[in-house]
Amino acid sequence: MAKGAVHITGSNFAARRRLRWDILDRMRKLVQSGTCERPRWLEWVERAPPLETRNLLHTDRTIRNPYIPLIADLLKKYPHLRFEQCYKPENQWQKGLFKQRKKAIVTGLDNYSVDHPVMQFVSNQLALMNRGMSKSDAFLKTEQMFYKRRMEMEAKIKVDMALGVVEDAEPMHTTGYAYLHRKIAQERGLFLTHVRNELRRMKEEAAKRKAAAEEAYKESSKSEEA
C-alpha cells in the first residue's frame, strides 16, 4: 500500500519535498493543450493565489545557545557564583537537567542579568573563542583575568571596611551559606529595627497618656479647692 500523498497535488507537508505541479499549473497545461475548457475558478485562483508552501520549512529548527554549555562548565567549577546577587528578581535559577552531546550535565535554568559575574565570564570566554582560541584556553585566560579582578576588589573592600568610608561595604563571599547568612542577618536587622520603632511609638503614647492623666488630676484638684 502506498504511503503518503501519491497524487501530484498531494500535501505540502511531505517529509521529503520535491518540485511538483500543483492543481493550478496542471489546469493551465490542460487548457493550453485544448484538453478542456477554461473553468471559472481558474481566474479566481489566479487573482488570489494560495500560499506557496513548497519552499517553507515545516520542521522545527534546533536553536543552539552557546552560553548554556559555557555557564554549565563555569558553575561546575565555581558553584558559588550561582548565589551571587541571587536575591535580585532578574537573576533566576532552579534545579534541572541539561543534556548536550549525549552527556548529562546537571545545571539549572540559569538566567542572569548582563552585569552578573557569570555572564561577564562567559561573554569574555566566548569573545576569545570567536577570535580562534580553544574553549579550555579561553576559560583559563578568562579565569586568570577574573581572579586578578577579584583580588583587587577584595583589597578595595577591605580598605573601605577598615576606614569606614563606605557604609554599605560588605565582604565578598565564596559559598552559598555565606550569602544565606548575610540575608538572614539583614532580615533580623530589619526586624529589630521594626521592634525598636514599635517600642518607641508605644513609649511615646504611654508618655502622652500619662501627661494627660496628670493634667486631668491637676484640674480636678483645683476645682475641689475652689
Protein backbone atom coordinates (compact mmCIF):
# COMPACT_ATOMS: atom_id res chain seq x y z
CA MET A 1 0.00 0.00 0.00
CA ALA A 2 1.33 3.41 -0.94
CA LYS A 3 2.34 5.75 1.86
CA GLY A 4 1.83 9.49 1.94
CA ALA A 5 0.48 11.59 -0.90
CA VAL A 6 0.59 9.69 -4.20
CA HIS A 7 -1.31 12.30 -6.21
CA ILE A 8 0.54 15.11 -7.90
CA THR A 9 -1.47 17.64 -5.91
CA GLY A 10 -0.71 16.00 -2.58
CA SER A 11 0.04 17.53 0.78
CA ASN A 12 2.62 20.27 1.21
CA PHE A 13 3.75 18.68 4.47
CA ALA A 14 5.66 15.81 2.90
CA ALA A 15 8.75 14.57 4.71
CA ARG A 16 10.90 14.81 1.56
CA ARG A 17 9.95 17.72 -0.58
CA ARG A 18 10.45 17.97 -4.31
CA LEU A 19 9.21 20.18 -7.13
CA ARG A 20 5.70 19.10 -8.13
CA TRP A 21 2.98 20.54 -10.30
CA ASP A 22 0.06 21.89 -8.28
CA ILE A 23 -3.58 21.96 -9.41
CA LEU A 24 -3.22 25.46 -10.88
CA ASP A 25 -0.29 24.63 -13.15
CA ARG A 26 -1.87 21.34 -14.15
CA MET A 27 -5.13 23.02 -15.20
CA ARG A 28 -3.22 25.68 -17.15
CA LYS A 29 -1.45 22.94 -19.12
CA LEU A 30 -4.75 21.22 -19.84
CA VAL A 31 -6.33 24.47 -21.04
CA GLN A 32 -3.34 25.37 -23.23
CA SER A 33 -3.33 21.94 -24.83
CA GLY A 34 -7.06 22.19 -25.54
CA THR A 35 -7.92 19.15 -23.46
CA CYS A 36 -10.62 21.01 -21.52
CA GLU A 37 -12.24 24.42 -21.45
CA ARG A 38 -11.05 27.15 -19.11
CA PRO A 39 -13.02 26.84 -15.85
CA ARG A 40 -14.31 29.85 -13.94
CA TRP A 41 -12.45 29.01 -10.76
CA LEU A 42 -9.10 29.25 -12.57
CA GLU A 43 -9.49 33.02 -12.93
CA TRP A 44 -10.45 33.36 -9.28
CA VAL A 45 -7.44 31.39 -8.11
CA GLU A 46 -5.12 33.40 -10.36
CA ARG A 47 -6.43 36.64 -8.83
CA ALA A 48 -5.88 35.42 -5.25
CA PRO A 49 -3.42 32.53 -5.39
CA PRO A 50 -2.98 30.25 -2.38
CA LEU A 51 0.05 30.45 -0.15
CA GLU A 52 3.12 28.89 -1.69
CA THR A 53 4.30 26.34 0.85
CA ARG A 54 6.67 24.19 -1.16
CA ASN A 55 9.78 26.05 -0.09
CA LEU A 56 8.77 26.73 3.50
CA LEU A 57 10.41 24.92 6.38
CA HIS A 58 7.80 22.92 8.26
CA THR A 59 10.13 21.32 10.77
CA ASP A 60 11.41 22.91 13.96
CA ARG A 61 14.99 24.06 13.91
CA THR A 62 17.30 23.36 16.80
CA ILE A 63 18.26 26.62 18.46
CA ARG A 64 21.80 26.39 19.78
CA ASN A 65 22.67 28.73 22.61
CA PRO A 66 26.46 28.89 23.08
CA TYR A 67 26.10 30.37 26.56
CA ILE A 68 24.39 27.31 28.10
CA PRO A 69 27.37 24.88 27.99
CA LEU A 70 29.79 27.64 28.99
CA ILE A 71 27.64 28.54 32.00
CA ALA A 72 27.37 24.85 32.93
CA ASP A 73 31.16 24.41 32.89
CA LEU A 74 31.70 27.59 34.89
CA LEU A 75 29.16 26.72 37.59
CA LYS A 76 30.54 23.20 37.80
CA LYS A 77 33.90 24.59 38.90
CA TYR A 78 32.63 27.65 40.78
CA PRO A 79 29.13 26.79 42.09
CA HIS A 80 29.10 29.75 44.48
CA LEU A 81 28.73 32.15 41.53
CA ARG A 82 25.13 30.95 41.19
CA PHE A 83 24.34 32.64 44.50
CA GLU A 84 25.88 35.98 43.54
CA GLN A 85 23.06 38.56 43.53
CA CYS A 86 20.60 35.67 43.87
CA TYR A 87 18.00 37.81 45.64
CA LYS A 88 17.56 40.13 42.67
CA PRO A 89 14.47 39.33 40.57
CA GLU A 90 16.34 39.45 37.25
CA ASN A 91 18.67 36.63 38.36
CA GLN A 92 16.82 33.31 38.37
CA TRP A 93 18.00 29.72 38.64
CA GLN A 94 16.49 26.39 39.57
CA LYS A 95 17.39 22.73 39.51
CA GLY A 96 17.21 20.97 36.17
CA LEU A 97 18.95 18.65 33.76
CA PHE A 98 20.67 19.86 30.63
CA LYS A 99 21.81 17.30 28.05
CA GLN A 100 24.42 18.08 25.45
CA ARG A 101 26.15 15.63 23.13
CA LYS A 102 24.74 12.63 24.99
CA LYS A 103 26.26 13.80 28.27
CA ALA A 104 24.04 14.76 31.17
CA ILE A 105 25.17 17.98 32.83
CA VAL A 106 23.33 18.91 35.99
CA THR A 107 22.62 22.62 35.82
CA GLY A 108 19.64 24.83 36.30
CA LEU A 109 17.50 27.17 34.32
CA ASP A 110 20.18 29.81 34.80
CA ASN A 111 19.04 33.25 33.72
CA TYR A 112 21.23 36.12 34.85
CA SER A 113 21.42 39.81 34.15
CA VAL A 114 24.08 41.29 31.91
CA ASP A 115 26.16 42.65 34.80
CA HIS A 116 26.21 39.31 36.63
CA PRO A 117 29.70 37.79 37.09
CA VAL A 118 28.62 34.57 35.35
CA MET A 119 27.51 36.40 32.21
CA GLN A 120 30.61 38.58 32.24
CA PHE A 121 32.81 35.49 32.47
CA VAL A 122 31.14 33.51 29.68
CA SER A 123 30.86 36.60 27.45
CA ASN A 124 34.59 37.20 27.70
CA GLN A 125 35.28 33.50 27.15
CA LEU A 126 33.05 33.41 24.07
CA ALA A 127 34.75 36.53 22.69
CA LEU A 128 38.13 34.81 22.99
CA MET A 129 36.76 31.67 21.35
CA ASN A 130 35.44 33.72 18.43
CA ARG A 131 38.98 35.00 17.90
CA GLY A 132 40.21 31.46 17.34
CA MET A 133 41.16 30.38 20.85
CA SER A 134 40.11 26.96 22.11
CA LYS A 135 37.46 26.55 24.78
CA SER A 136 39.86 25.42 27.51
CA ASP A 137 42.46 28.10 26.76
CA ALA A 138 39.78 30.80 26.70
CA PHE A 139 38.48 29.54 30.05
CA LEU A 140 41.94 29.62 31.64
CA LYS A 141 42.71 33.10 30.34
CA THR A 142 39.35 34.46 31.47
CA GLU A 143 39.81 32.75 34.82
CA GLN A 144 43.15 34.47 35.35
CA MET A 145 41.69 37.85 34.41
CA PHE A 146 38.72 37.46 36.76
CA TYR A 147 40.95 36.18 39.57
CA LYS A 148 43.08 39.30 39.31
CA ARG A 149 39.97 41.47 39.30
CA ARG A 150 38.60 39.59 42.31
CA MET A 151 41.77 40.18 44.31
CA GLU A 152 41.68 43.89 43.50
CA MET A 153 38.02 44.17 44.51
CA GLU A 154 38.58 42.29 47.78
CA ALA A 155 41.54 44.52 48.67
CA LYS A 156 39.49 47.65 47.97
CA ILE A 157 36.53 46.37 50.01
CA LYS A 158 38.78 45.53 52.97
CA VAL A 159 40.22 49.05 52.93
CA ASP A 160 36.74 50.60 52.74
CA MET A 161 35.51 48.44 55.63
CA ALA A 162 38.56 49.29 57.74
CA LEU A 163 38.33 53.04 57.14
CA GLY A 164 34.53 53.15 57.25
CA VAL A 165 34.39 55.27 54.10
CA VAL A 166 31.55 53.30 52.51
CA GLU A 167 28.65 52.47 54.81
CA ASP A 168 27.26 49.57 52.75
CA ALA A 169 30.63 47.90 52.14
CA GLU A 170 30.27 44.13 52.51
CA PRO A 171 32.80 41.30 52.12
CA MET A 172 32.69 39.06 49.06
CA HIS A 173 31.59 35.50 49.79
CA THR A 174 32.66 32.20 48.26
CA THR A 175 29.87 29.88 49.47
CA GLY A 176 26.12 29.79 49.22
CA TYR A 177 25.75 29.57 53.00
CA ALA A 178 27.57 32.87 53.36
CA TYR A 179 25.01 34.59 51.14
CA LEU A 180 22.22 32.92 53.12
CA HIS A 181 23.62 34.02 56.47
CA ARG A 182 24.07 37.56 55.20
CA LYS A 183 20.44 37.62 54.09
CA ILE A 184 19.32 36.22 57.45
CA ALA A 185 21.34 38.93 59.23
CA GLN A 186 19.72 41.61 57.06
CA GLU A 187 16.24 40.26 57.78
CA ARG A 188 16.94 40.13 61.51
CA GLY A 189 18.30 43.67 61.41
CA LEU A 190 15.12 44.88 59.74
CA PHE A 191 13.02 43.01 62.30
CA LEU A 192 14.93 44.52 65.22
CA THR A 193 14.57 47.97 63.67
CA HIS A 194 10.82 47.42 63.39
CA VAL A 195 10.67 46.27 67.04
CA ARG A 196 12.63 49.33 68.15
CA ASN A 197 10.30 51.66 66.26
CA GLU A 198 7.25 49.96 67.77
CA LEU A 199 8.67 50.24 71.29
CA ARG A 200 9.46 53.90 70.70
CA ARG A 201 5.92 54.52 69.47
CA MET A 202 4.40 52.70 72.45
CA LYS A 203 6.64 54.68 74.83
CA GLU A 204 5.54 57.98 73.29
CA GLU A 205 1.88 57.01 73.51
CA ALA A 206 2.31 55.98 77.17
CA ALA A 207 4.02 59.31 77.93
CA LYS A 208 1.16 61.21 76.29
CA ARG A 209 -1.45 59.27 78.28
CA LYS A 210 0.48 59.88 81.50
CA ALA A 211 0.76 63.61 80.79
CA ALA A 212 -2.96 63.79 80.01
CA ALA A 213 -3.81 61.94 83.23
CA GLU A 214 -1.63 64.29 85.31
CA GLU A 215 -3.21 67.32 83.68
CA ALA A 216 -6.68 65.98 84.39
CA TYR A 217 -5.74 65.27 88.02
CA LYS A 218 -4.42 68.82 88.49
CA GLU A 219 -7.60 70.32 87.06
CA SER A 220 -9.78 68.15 89.29
CA SER A 221 -7.78 69.12 92.40
CA LYS A 222 -8.08 72.83 91.57
CA SER A 223 -11.84 72.53 91.15
CA GLU A 224 -12.18 70.78 94.53
CA GLU A 225 -10.16 73.53 96.29
CA ALA A 226 -12.33 76.22 94.72
